[in-house]
PDB file of all heavy atoms in Angstrom:
ATOM      1  N   VAL A   1      40.892  12.095  98.366  1.00  0.00           N
ATOM      2  CA  VAL A   1      42.244  11.571  98.415  1.00  0.00           C
ATOM      3  C   VAL A   1      43.088  12.279  97.345  1.00  0.00           C
ATOM      4  O   VAL A   1      42.736  12.360  96.184  1.00  0.00           O
ATOM      5  CB  VAL A   1      42.241  10.043  98.128  1.00  0.00           C
ATOM      6  CG1 VAL A   1      43.639   9.514  98.079  1.00  0.00           C
ATOM      7  CG2 VAL A   1      41.407   9.335  99.168  1.00  0.00           C
ATOM      8  N   GLU A   2      44.167  12.890  97.833  1.00  0.00           N
ATOM      9  CA  GLU A   2      45.113  13.661  96.940  1.00  0.00           C
ATOM     10  C   GLU A   2      46.499  13.199  97.233  1.00  0.00           C
ATOM     11  O   GLU A   2      47.295  13.905  97.890  1.00  0.00           O
ATOM     12  CB  GLU A   2      44.911  15.125  97.172  1.00  0.00           C
ATOM     13  CG  GLU A   2      43.561  15.640  96.739  1.00  0.00           C
ATOM     14  CD  GLU A   2      43.341  17.116  97.098  1.00  0.00           C
ATOM     15  OE1 GLU A   2      44.124  17.661  97.886  1.00  0.00           O
ATOM     16  OE2 GLU A   2      42.369  17.655  96.572  1.00  0.00           O
ATOM     17  N   GLY A   3      46.861  12.037  96.803  1.00  0.00           N
ATOM     18  CA  GLY A   3      48.200  11.539  97.038  1.00  0.00           C
ATOM     19  C   GLY A   3      48.272  10.146  96.414  1.00  0.00           C
ATOM     20  O   GLY A   3      47.332   9.648  95.899  1.00  0.00           O
ATOM     21  N   ASP A   4      49.418   9.574  96.619  1.00  0.00           N
ATOM     22  CA  ASP A   4      49.628   8.273  96.026  1.00  0.00           C
ATOM     23  C   ASP A   4      48.947   7.123  96.790  1.00  0.00           C
ATOM     24  O   ASP A   4      48.586   6.165  96.170  1.00  0.00           O
ATOM     25  CB  ASP A   4      51.138   7.959  95.905  1.00  0.00           C
ATOM     26  CG  ASP A   4      51.826   8.928  94.968  1.00  0.00           C
ATOM     27  OD1 ASP A   4      51.172   9.388  94.026  1.00  0.00           O
ATOM     28  OD2 ASP A   4      53.007   9.207  95.148  1.00  0.00           O
ATOM     29  N   VAL A   5      48.899   7.213  98.099  1.00  0.00           N
ATOM     30  CA  VAL A   5      48.298   6.129  98.920  1.00  0.00           C
ATOM     31  C   VAL A   5      47.445   6.738 100.028  1.00  0.00           C
ATOM     32  O   VAL A   5      47.682   7.871 100.482  1.00  0.00           O
ATOM     33  CB  VAL A   5      49.380   5.238  99.519  1.00  0.00           C
ATOM     34  CG1 VAL A   5      50.175   4.511  98.446  1.00  0.00           C
ATOM     35  CG2 VAL A   5      50.312   5.985 100.455  1.00  0.00           C
ATOM     36  N   ARG A   6      46.429   5.984 100.438  1.00  0.00           N
ATOM     37  CA  ARG A   6      45.573   6.353 101.572  1.00  0.00           C
ATOM     38  C   ARG A   6      44.957   5.084 102.063  1.00  0.00           C
ATOM     39  O   ARG A   6      44.533   4.217 101.293  1.00  0.00           O
ATOM     40  CB  ARG A   6      44.457   7.339 101.101  1.00  0.00           C
ATOM     41  CG  ARG A   6      43.500   7.797 102.199  1.00  0.00           C
ATOM     42  CD  ARG A   6      44.238   8.632 103.247  1.00  0.00           C
ATOM     43  NE  ARG A   6      43.326   9.408 104.068  1.00  0.00           N
ATOM     44  CZ  ARG A   6      42.693   8.953 105.134  1.00  0.00           C
ATOM     45  NH1 ARG A   6      42.902   7.700 105.558  1.00  0.00           N
ATOM     46  NH2 ARG A   6      41.888   9.731 105.820  1.00  0.00           N
ATOM     47  N   ASN A   7      44.915   4.911 103.373  1.00  0.00           N
ATOM     48  CA  ASN A   7      44.293   3.707 103.960  1.00  0.00           C
ATOM     49  C   ASN A   7      43.325   4.107 105.023  1.00  0.00           C
ATOM     50  O   ASN A   7      43.310   5.227 105.530  1.00  0.00           O
ATOM     51  CB  ASN A   7      45.367   2.754 104.471  1.00  0.00           C
ATOM     52  CG  ASN A   7      46.175   3.288 105.632  1.00  0.00           C
ATOM     53  OD1 ASN A   7      46.627   4.427 105.638  1.00  0.00           O
ATOM     54  ND2 ASN A   7      46.346   2.474 106.681  1.00  0.00           N
ATOM     55  N   ILE A   8      42.463   3.133 105.377  1.00  0.00           N
ATOM     56  CA  ILE A   8      41.556   3.294 106.494  1.00  0.00           C
ATOM     57  C   ILE A   8      41.716   2.052 107.351  1.00  0.00           C
ATOM     58  O   ILE A   8      42.201   0.992 106.859  1.00  0.00           O
ATOM     59  CB  ILE A   8      40.097   3.481 106.029  1.00  0.00           C
ATOM     60  CG1 ILE A   8      39.607   2.343 105.171  1.00  0.00           C
ATOM     61  CG2 ILE A   8      39.972   4.832 105.272  1.00  0.00           C
ATOM     62  CD1 ILE A   8      38.133   2.420 104.818  1.00  0.00           C
ATOM     63  N   SER A   9      41.183   2.080 108.552  1.00  0.00           N
ATOM     64  CA  SER A   9      41.128   0.919 109.410  1.00  0.00           C
ATOM     65  C   SER A   9      39.954   1.125 110.326  1.00  0.00           C
ATOM     66  O   SER A   9      39.089   1.937 110.075  1.00  0.00           O
ATOM     67  CB  SER A   9      42.459   0.770 110.190  1.00  0.00           C
ATOM     68  OG  SER A   9      42.470  -0.487 110.836  1.00  0.00           O
ATOM     69  N   ASN A  10      39.941   0.384 111.380  1.00  0.00           N
ATOM     70  CA  ASN A  10      38.785   0.454 112.337  1.00  0.00           C
ATOM     71  C   ASN A  10      38.966   1.608 113.318  1.00  0.00           C
ATOM     72  O   ASN A  10      38.963   1.398 114.526  1.00  0.00           O
ATOM     73  CB  ASN A  10      38.655  -0.864 113.115  1.00  0.00           C
ATOM     74  CG  ASN A  10      38.344  -1.986 112.149  1.00  0.00           C
ATOM     75  OD1 ASN A  10      39.270  -2.581 111.598  1.00  0.00           O
ATOM     76  ND2 ASN A  10      37.126  -2.283 111.953  1.00  0.00           N
ATOM     77  N   GLN A  11      39.122   2.793 112.769  1.00  0.00           N
ATOM     78  CA  GLN A  11      39.232   4.001 113.584  1.00  0.00           C
ATOM     79  C   GLN A  11      39.008   5.186 112.656  1.00  0.00           C
ATOM     80  O   GLN A  11      39.114   5.071 111.437  1.00  0.00           O
ATOM     81  CB  GLN A  11      40.626   4.123 114.198  1.00  0.00           C
ATOM     82  CG  GLN A  11      41.701   4.410 113.137  1.00  0.00           C
ATOM     83  CD  GLN A  11      43.077   4.641 113.809  1.00  0.00           C
ATOM     84  OE1 GLN A  11      43.456   3.772 114.530  1.00  0.00           O
ATOM     85  NE2 GLN A  11      43.690   5.694 113.481  1.00  0.00           N
ATOM     86  N   LEU A  12      38.721   6.308 113.223  1.00  0.00           N
ATOM     87  CA  LEU A  12      38.603   7.525 112.435  1.00  0.00           C
ATOM     88  C   LEU A  12      39.975   8.032 112.109  1.00  0.00           C
ATOM     89  O   LEU A  12      40.878   8.023 112.948  1.00  0.00           O
ATOM     90  CB  LEU A  12      37.801   8.589 113.214  1.00  0.00           C
ATOM     91  CG  LEU A  12      36.374   8.233 113.574  1.00  0.00           C
ATOM     92  CD1 LEU A  12      35.749   9.335 114.369  1.00  0.00           C
ATOM     93  CD2 LEU A  12      35.551   7.877 112.343  1.00  0.00           C
ATOM     94  N   SER A  13      40.216   8.413 110.818  1.00  0.00           N
ATOM     95  CA  SER A  13      41.502   8.879 110.432  1.00  0.00           C
ATOM     96  C   SER A  13      41.525  10.228 109.725  1.00  0.00           C
ATOM     97  O   SER A  13      42.579  10.757 109.419  1.00  0.00           O
ATOM     98  CB  SER A  13      42.136   7.791 109.463  1.00  0.00           C
ATOM     99  OG  SER A  13      41.369   7.640 108.294  1.00  0.00           O
ATOM    100  N   ILE A  14      40.328  10.763 109.479  1.00  0.00           N
ATOM    101  CA  ILE A  14      40.269  12.122 108.888  1.00  0.00           C
ATOM    102  C   ILE A  14      40.577  13.105 110.037  1.00  0.00           C
ATOM    103  O   ILE A  14      39.846  13.069 111.021  1.00  0.00           O
ATOM    104  CB  ILE A  14      38.938  12.404 108.219  1.00  0.00           C
ATOM    105  CG1 ILE A  14      38.702  11.491 107.031  1.00  0.00           C
ATOM    106  CG2 ILE A  14      38.768  13.864 107.810  1.00  0.00           C
ATOM    107  CD1 ILE A  14      37.345  11.541 106.387  1.00  0.00           C
ATOM    108  N   THR A  15      41.572  13.920 109.826  1.00  0.00           N
ATOM    109  CA  THR A  15      41.911  14.887 110.899  1.00  0.00           C
ATOM    110  C   THR A  15      41.436  16.289 110.516  1.00  0.00           C
ATOM    111  O   THR A  15      40.273  16.573 110.673  1.00  0.00           O
ATOM    112  CB  THR A  15      43.423  14.793 111.167  1.00  0.00           C
ATOM    113  OG1 THR A  15      44.141  15.097 109.968  1.00  0.00           O
ATOM    114  CG2 THR A  15      43.865  13.446 111.743  1.00  0.00           C
ATOM    115  N   THR A  16      42.325  17.092 109.958  1.00  0.00           N
ATOM    116  CA  THR A  16      41.990  18.509 109.690  1.00  0.00           C
ATOM    117  C   THR A  16      41.657  18.744 108.211  1.00  0.00           C
ATOM    118  O   THR A  16      41.100  19.799 107.903  1.00  0.00           O
ATOM    119  CB  THR A  16      43.095  19.432 110.178  1.00  0.00           C
ATOM    120  OG1 THR A  16      44.282  19.067 109.524  1.00  0.00           O
ATOM    121  CG2 THR A  16      43.263  19.328 111.674  1.00  0.00           C
ATOM    122  N   LYS A  17      42.019  17.834 107.349  1.00  0.00           N
ATOM    123  CA  LYS A  17      41.724  17.998 105.909  1.00  0.00           C
ATOM    124  C   LYS A  17      40.339  17.405 105.676  1.00  0.00           C
ATOM    125  O   LYS A  17      40.153  16.229 105.443  1.00  0.00           O
ATOM    126  CB  LYS A  17      42.751  17.297 105.010  1.00  0.00           C
ATOM    127  CG  LYS A  17      42.499  17.524 103.537  1.00  0.00           C
ATOM    128  CD  LYS A  17      43.443  16.683 102.675  1.00  0.00           C
ATOM    129  CE  LYS A  17      43.226  16.842 101.215  1.00  0.00           C
ATOM    130  NZ  LYS A  17      41.831  16.604 100.752  1.00  0.00           N
ATOM    131  N   ILE A  18      39.304  18.306 105.724  1.00  0.00           N
ATOM    132  CA  ILE A  18      37.945  17.907 105.512  1.00  0.00           C
ATOM    133  C   ILE A  18      37.428  18.627 104.297  1.00  0.00           C
ATOM    134  O   ILE A  18      37.403  19.839 104.255  1.00  0.00           O
ATOM    135  CB  ILE A  18      37.108  18.229 106.758  1.00  0.00           C
ATOM    136  CG1 ILE A  18      37.648  17.504 107.992  1.00  0.00           C
ATOM    137  CG2 ILE A  18      35.661  17.868 106.517  1.00  0.00           C
ATOM    138  CD1 ILE A  18      37.018  17.927 109.306  1.00  0.00           C
ATOM    139  N   ASP A  19      37.038  17.905 103.255  1.00  0.00           N
ATOM    140  CA  ASP A  19      36.604  18.493 102.027  1.00  0.00           C
ATOM    141  C   ASP A  19      35.050  18.600 101.956  1.00  0.00           C
ATOM    142  O   ASP A  19      34.540  19.492 101.258  1.00  0.00           O
ATOM    143  CB  ASP A  19      37.138  17.723 100.802  1.00  0.00           C
ATOM    144  CG  ASP A  19      38.644  17.803 100.774  1.00  0.00           C
ATOM    145  OD1 ASP A  19      39.170  18.922 100.720  1.00  0.00           O
ATOM    146  OD2 ASP A  19      39.294  16.700 100.829  1.00  0.00           O
ATOM    147  N   ARG A  20      34.401  17.720 102.623  1.00  0.00           N
ATOM    148  CA  ARG A  20      32.910  17.810 102.738  1.00  0.00           C
ATOM    149  C   ARG A  20      32.586  17.344 104.207  1.00  0.00           C
ATOM    150  O   ARG A  20      33.272  16.521 104.720  1.00  0.00           O
ATOM    151  CB  ARG A  20      32.213  16.904 101.718  1.00  0.00           C
ATOM    152  CG  ARG A  20      32.303  17.433 100.297  1.00  0.00           C
ATOM    153  CD  ARG A  20      31.562  16.577  99.325  1.00  0.00           C
ATOM    154  NE  ARG A  20      30.135  16.437  99.679  1.00  0.00           N
ATOM    155  CZ  ARG A  20      29.312  15.602  99.036  1.00  0.00           C
ATOM    156  NH1 ARG A  20      29.699  14.864  98.028  1.00  0.00           N
ATOM    157  NH2 ARG A  20      28.053  15.471  99.434  1.00  0.00           N
ATOM    158  N   GLU A  21      31.467  17.891 104.737  1.00  0.00           N
ATOM    159  CA  GLU A  21      31.110  17.515 106.119  1.00  0.00           C
ATOM    160  C   GLU A  21      29.635  17.701 106.308  1.00  0.00           C
ATOM    161  O   GLU A  21      28.952  18.409 105.575  1.00  0.00           O
ATOM    162  CB  GLU A  21      31.888  18.369 107.102  1.00  0.00           C
ATOM    163  CG  GLU A  21      31.514  19.830 107.031  1.00  0.00           C
ATOM    164  CD  GLU A  21      32.460  20.703 107.885  1.00  0.00           C
ATOM    165  OE1 GLU A  21      33.673  20.709 107.636  1.00  0.00           O
ATOM    166  OE2 GLU A  21      31.956  21.388 108.767  1.00  0.00           O
ATOM    167  N   HIS A  22      29.152  16.984 107.363  1.00  0.00           N
ATOM    168  CA  HIS A  22      27.753  17.206 107.769  1.00  0.00           C
ATOM    169  C   HIS A  22      27.613  18.646 108.153  1.00  0.00           C
ATOM    170  O   HIS A  22      28.459  19.225 108.823  1.00  0.00           O
ATOM    171  CB  HIS A  22      27.455  16.278 108.995  1.00  0.00           C
ATOM    172  CG  HIS A  22      26.062  16.337 109.435  1.00  0.00           C
ATOM    173  ND1 HIS A  22      25.527  17.351 110.171  1.00  0.00           N
ATOM    174  CD2 HIS A  22      25.044  15.442 109.222  1.00  0.00           C
ATOM    175  CE1 HIS A  22      24.276  17.124 110.407  1.00  0.00           C
ATOM    176  NE2 HIS A  22      23.934  15.952 109.860  1.00  0.00           N
ATOM    177  N   PRO A  23      26.490  19.297 107.775  1.00  0.00           N
ATOM    178  CA  PRO A  23      26.328  20.719 108.010  1.00  0.00           C
ATOM    179  C   PRO A  23      26.395  21.128 109.496  1.00  0.00           C
ATOM    180  O   PRO A  23      26.699  22.275 109.806  1.00  0.00           O
ATOM    181  CB  PRO A  23      25.015  21.097 107.365  1.00  0.00           C
ATOM    182  CG  PRO A  23      24.359  19.837 107.007  1.00  0.00           C
ATOM    183  CD  PRO A  23      25.362  18.751 106.994  1.00  0.00           C
ATOM    184  N   GLU A  24      26.097  20.220 110.370  1.00  0.00           N
ATOM    185  CA  GLU A  24      26.073  20.507 111.839  1.00  0.00           C
ATOM    186  C   GLU A  24      27.235  19.846 112.570  1.00  0.00           C
ATOM    187  O   GLU A  24      27.230  19.817 113.786  1.00  0.00           O
ATOM    188  CB  GLU A  24      24.735  20.085 112.438  1.00  0.00           C
ATOM    189  CG  GLU A  24      23.552  20.809 111.814  1.00  0.00           C
ATOM    190  CD  GLU A  24      22.232  20.164 112.157  1.00  0.00           C
ATOM    191  OE1 GLU A  24      22.202  19.281 113.026  1.00  0.00           O
ATOM    192  OE2 GLU A  24      21.208  20.504 111.548  1.00  0.00           O
ATOM    193  N   LEU A  25      28.225  19.307 111.870  1.00  0.00           N
ATOM    194  CA  LEU A  25      29.310  18.580 112.461  1.00  0.00           C
ATOM    195  C   LEU A  25      30.026  19.350 113.574  1.00  0.00           C
ATOM    196  O   LEU A  25      30.148  18.821 114.699  1.00  0.00           O
ATOM    197  CB  LEU A  25      30.345  18.176 111.359  1.00  0.00           C
ATOM    198  CG  LEU A  25      31.559  17.424 111.805  1.00  0.00           C
ATOM    199  CD1 LEU A  25      31.212  15.991 112.125  1.00  0.00           C
ATOM    200  CD2 LEU A  25      32.640  17.458 110.719  1.00  0.00           C
ATOM    201  N   LYS A  26      30.441  20.563 113.306  1.00  0.00           N
ATOM    202  CA  LYS A  26      31.196  21.357 114.252  1.00  0.00           C
ATOM    203  C   LYS A  26      30.339  21.885 115.355  1.00  0.00           C
ATOM    204  O   LYS A  26      30.712  21.896 116.522  1.00  0.00           O
ATOM    205  CB  LYS A  26      31.956  22.449 113.535  1.00  0.00           C
ATOM    206  CG  LYS A  26      33.037  21.923 112.592  1.00  0.00           C
ATOM    207  CD  LYS A  26      33.699  23.006 111.765  1.00  0.00           C
ATOM    208  CE  LYS A  26      34.704  22.376 110.802  1.00  0.00           C
ATOM    209  NZ  LYS A  26      35.114  23.317 109.795  1.00  0.00           N
ATOM    210  N   GLU A  27      29.117  22.309 115.010  1.00  0.00           N
ATOM    211  CA  GLU A  27      28.223  22.845 116.050  1.00  0.00           C
ATOM    212  C   GLU A  27      27.821  21.813 117.032  1.00  0.00           C
ATOM    213  O   GLU A  27      27.734  22.089 118.252  1.00  0.00           O
ATOM    214  CB  GLU A  27      26.962  23.454 115.373  1.00  0.00           C
ATOM    215  CG  GLU A  27      27.180  24.789 114.785  1.00  0.00           C
ATOM    216  CD  GLU A  27      27.824  25.836 115.750  1.00  0.00           C
ATOM    217  OE1 GLU A  27      27.315  25.970 116.886  1.00  0.00           O
ATOM    218  OE2 GLU A  27      28.817  26.452 115.347  1.00  0.00           O
ATOM    219  N   TYR A  28      27.616  20.590 116.570  1.00  0.00           N
ATOM    220  CA  TYR A  28      27.300  19.451 117.457  1.00  0.00           C
ATOM    221  C   TYR A  28      28.475  19.173 118.422  1.00  0.00           C
ATOM    222  O   TYR A  28      28.262  19.019 119.619  1.00  0.00           O
ATOM    223  CB  TYR A  28      26.952  18.219 116.676  1.00  0.00           C
ATOM    224  CG  TYR A  28      26.511  17.027 117.515  1.00  0.00           C
ATOM    225  CD1 TYR A  28      25.308  17.050 118.231  1.00  0.00           C
ATOM    226  CD2 TYR A  28      27.359  15.918 117.740  1.00  0.00           C
ATOM    227  CE1 TYR A  28      24.934  15.979 119.012  1.00  0.00           C
ATOM    228  CE2 TYR A  28      27.007  14.912 118.545  1.00  0.00           C
ATOM    229  CZ  TYR A  28      25.773  14.923 119.209  1.00  0.00           C
ATOM    230  OH  TYR A  28      25.432  13.850 120.009  1.00  0.00           O
ATOM    231  N   ALA A  29      29.650  19.208 117.862  1.00  0.00           N
ATOM    232  CA  ALA A  29      30.860  18.974 118.690  1.00  0.00           C
ATOM    233  C   ALA A  29      30.997  20.067 119.761  1.00  0.00           C
ATOM    234  O   ALA A  29      31.332  19.796 120.939  1.00  0.00           O
ATOM    235  CB  ALA A  29      32.094  18.903 117.843  1.00  0.00           C
ATOM    236  N   LYS A  30      30.700  21.290 119.373  1.00  0.00           N
ATOM    237  CA  LYS A  30      30.753  22.411 120.331  1.00  0.00           C
ATOM    238  C   LYS A  30      29.707  22.239 121.419  1.00  0.00           C
ATOM    239  O   LYS A  30      29.968  22.436 122.580  1.00  0.00           O
ATOM    240  CB  LYS A  30      30.590  23.752 119.614  1.00  0.00           C
ATOM    241  CG  LYS A  30      31.844  24.292 119.016  1.00  0.00           C
ATOM    242  CD  LYS A  30      31.617  25.518 118.172  1.00  0.00           C
ATOM    243  CE  LYS A  30      31.188  26.718 118.909  1.00  0.00           C
ATOM    244  NZ  LYS A  30      31.150  27.946 118.047  1.00  0.00           N
ATOM    245  N   SER A  31      28.482  21.853 121.032  1.00  0.00           N
ATOM    246  CA  SER A  31      27.373  21.681 121.998  1.00  0.00           C
ATOM    247  C   SER A  31      27.677  20.592 123.006  1.00  0.00           C
ATOM    248  O   SER A  31      27.220  20.644 124.131  1.00  0.00           O
ATOM    249  CB  SER A  31      26.090  21.416 121.263  1.00  0.00           C
ATOM    250  OG  SER A  31      26.046  20.078 120.809  1.00  0.00           O
ATOM    251  N   LYS A  32      28.459  19.580 122.627  1.00  0.00           N
ATOM    252  CA  LYS A  32      28.847  18.493 123.520  1.00  0.00           C
ATOM    253  C   LYS A  32      30.108  18.850 124.367  1.00  0.00           C
ATOM    254  O   LYS A  32      30.462  18.015 125.258  1.00  0.00           O
ATOM    255  CB  LYS A  32      29.105  17.204 122.753  1.00  0.00           C
ATOM    256  CG  LYS A  32      27.843  16.629 122.106  1.00  0.00           C
ATOM    257  CD  LYS A  32      26.941  16.128 123.197  1.00  0.00           C
ATOM    258  CE  LYS A  32      25.828  15.297 122.665  1.00  0.00           C
ATOM    259  NZ  LYS A  32      24.975  14.837 123.743  1.00  0.00           N
ATOM    260  N   GLY A  33      30.753  19.934 124.061  1.00  0.00           N
ATOM    261  CA  GLY A  33      31.973  20.325 124.782  1.00  0.00           C
ATOM    262  C   GLY A  33      33.215  19.587 124.317  1.00  0.00           C
ATOM    263  O   GLY A  33      34.255  19.545 124.942  1.00  0.00           O
ATOM    264  N   TRP A  34      33.147  18.981 123.102  1.00  0.00           N
ATOM    265  CA  TRP A  34      34.274  18.216 122.564  1.00  0.00           C
ATOM    266  C   TRP A  34      35.238  19.126 121.810  1.00  0.00           C
ATOM    267  O   TRP A  34      36.401  18.755 121.593  1.00  0.00           O
ATOM    268  CB  TRP A  34      33.805  17.132 121.574  1.00  0.00           C
ATOM    269  CG  TRP A  34      32.829  16.143 122.131  1.00  0.00           C
ATOM    270  CD1 TRP A  34      32.657  15.773 123.427  1.00  0.00           C
ATOM    271  CD2 TRP A  34      31.917  15.352 121.388  1.00  0.00           C
ATOM    272  NE1 TRP A  34      31.734  14.833 123.567  1.00  0.00           N
ATOM    273  CE2 TRP A  34      31.227  14.549 122.316  1.00  0.00           C
ATOM    274  CE3 TRP A  34      31.597  15.252 120.048  1.00  0.00           C
ATOM    275  CZ2 TRP A  34      30.252  13.599 121.941  1.00  0.00           C
ATOM    276  CZ3 TRP A  34      30.655  14.337 119.656  1.00  0.00           C
ATOM    277  CH2 TRP A  34      30.019  13.510 120.588  1.00  0.00           C
ATOM    278  N   TRP A  35      34.782  20.295 121.385  1.00  0.00           N
ATOM    279  CA  TRP A  35      35.599  21.235 120.624  1.00  0.00           C
ATOM    280  C   TRP A  35      35.240  22.640 121.093  1.00  0.00           C
ATOM    281  O   TRP A  35      34.040  22.974 121.230  1.00  0.00           O
ATOM    282  CB  TRP A  35      35.315  21.022 119.102  1.00  0.00           C
ATOM    283  CG  TRP A  35      36.074  21.915 118.192  1.00  0.00           C
ATOM    284  CD1 TRP A  35      37.433  22.071 118.079  1.00  0.00           C
ATOM    285  CD2 TRP A  35      35.519  22.793 117.205  1.00  0.00           C
ATOM    286  NE1 TRP A  35      37.696  22.967 117.126  1.00  0.00           N
ATOM    287  CE2 TRP A  35      36.551  23.453 116.543  1.00  0.00           C
ATOM    288  CE3 TRP A  35      34.200  23.110 116.853  1.00  0.00           C
ATOM    289  CZ2 TRP A  35      36.326  24.368 115.530  1.00  0.00           C
ATOM    290  CZ3 TRP A  35      33.972  24.033 115.840  1.00  0.00           C
ATOM    291  CH2 TRP A  35      35.079  24.667 115.186  1.00  0.00           C
ATOM    292  N   ASP A  36      36.270  23.485 121.272  1.00  0.00           N
ATOM    293  CA  ASP A  36      35.975  24.816 121.821  1.00  0.00           C
ATOM    294  C   ASP A  36      35.671  25.852 120.716  1.00  0.00           C
ATOM    295  O   ASP A  36      35.300  26.930 121.027  1.00  0.00           O
ATOM    296  CB  ASP A  36      37.145  25.308 122.655  1.00  0.00           C
ATOM    297  CG  ASP A  36      38.469  25.462 121.874  1.00  0.00           C
ATOM    298  OD1 ASP A  36      38.416  25.329 120.636  1.00  0.00           O
ATOM    299  OD2 ASP A  36      39.459  25.609 122.521  1.00  0.00           O
ATOM    300  N   GLY A  37      35.793  25.462 119.460  1.00  0.00           N
ATOM    301  CA  GLY A  37      35.510  26.402 118.377  1.00  0.00           C
ATOM    302  C   GLY A  37      36.705  27.344 118.053  1.00  0.00           C
ATOM    303  O   GLY A  37      36.546  28.113 117.110  1.00  0.00           O
ATOM    304  N   LYS A  38      37.715  27.212 118.843  1.00  0.00           N
ATOM    305  CA  LYS A  38      38.871  28.137 118.602  1.00  0.00           C
ATOM    306  C   LYS A  38      40.019  27.423 117.934  1.00  0.00           C
ATOM    307  O   LYS A  38      40.570  27.928 116.994  1.00  0.00           O
ATOM    308  CB  LYS A  38      39.328  28.727 119.979  1.00  0.00           C
ATOM    309  CG  LYS A  38      38.255  29.619 120.559  1.00  0.00           C
ATOM    310  CD  LYS A  38      38.664  30.094 121.948  1.00  0.00           C
ATOM    311  CE  LYS A  38      37.474  30.870 122.545  1.00  0.00           C
ATOM    312  NZ  LYS A  38      37.496  30.868 123.941  1.00  0.00           N
ATOM    313  N   LYS A  39      40.401  26.265 118.473  1.00  0.00           N
ATOM    314  CA  LYS A  39      41.507  25.558 117.823  1.00  0.00           C
ATOM    315  C   LYS A  39      41.025  24.926 116.521  1.00  0.00           C
ATOM    316  O   LYS A  39      39.848  24.767 116.332  1.00  0.00           O
ATOM    317  CB  LYS A  39      42.123  24.541 118.759  1.00  0.00           C
ATOM    318  CG  LYS A  39      41.228  23.415 119.183  1.00  0.00           C
ATOM    319  CD  LYS A  39      41.911  22.508 120.146  1.00  0.00           C
ATOM    320  CE  LYS A  39      40.921  21.423 120.543  1.00  0.00           C
ATOM    321  NZ  LYS A  39      41.438  20.536 121.540  1.00  0.00           N
ATOM    322  N   GLU A  40      41.979  24.543 115.680  1.00  0.00           N
ATOM    323  CA  GLU A  40      41.670  23.892 114.404  1.00  0.00           C
ATOM    324  C   GLU A  40      40.808  22.636 114.670  1.00  0.00           C
ATOM    325  O   GLU A  40      41.143  21.852 115.523  1.00  0.00           O
ATOM    326  CB  GLU A  40      42.920  23.587 113.628  1.00  0.00           C
ATOM    327  CG  GLU A  40      42.663  23.078 112.255  1.00  0.00           C
ATOM    328  CD  GLU A  40      43.968  22.812 111.429  1.00  0.00           C
ATOM    329  OE1 GLU A  40      45.019  22.569 112.042  1.00  0.00           O
ATOM    330  OE2 GLU A  40      43.881  22.927 110.222  1.00  0.00           O
TER     331      GLU A  40
END
């Protein structure tokens, strides 16, 4: 969190600002066809 306020709710809210991640996060998404590996 780098700002004055941040909230969460019953949904995912982390978009493109990812500071730490599961080591296979993006590869798993690619293997499922959820992300093409090209767009952000």
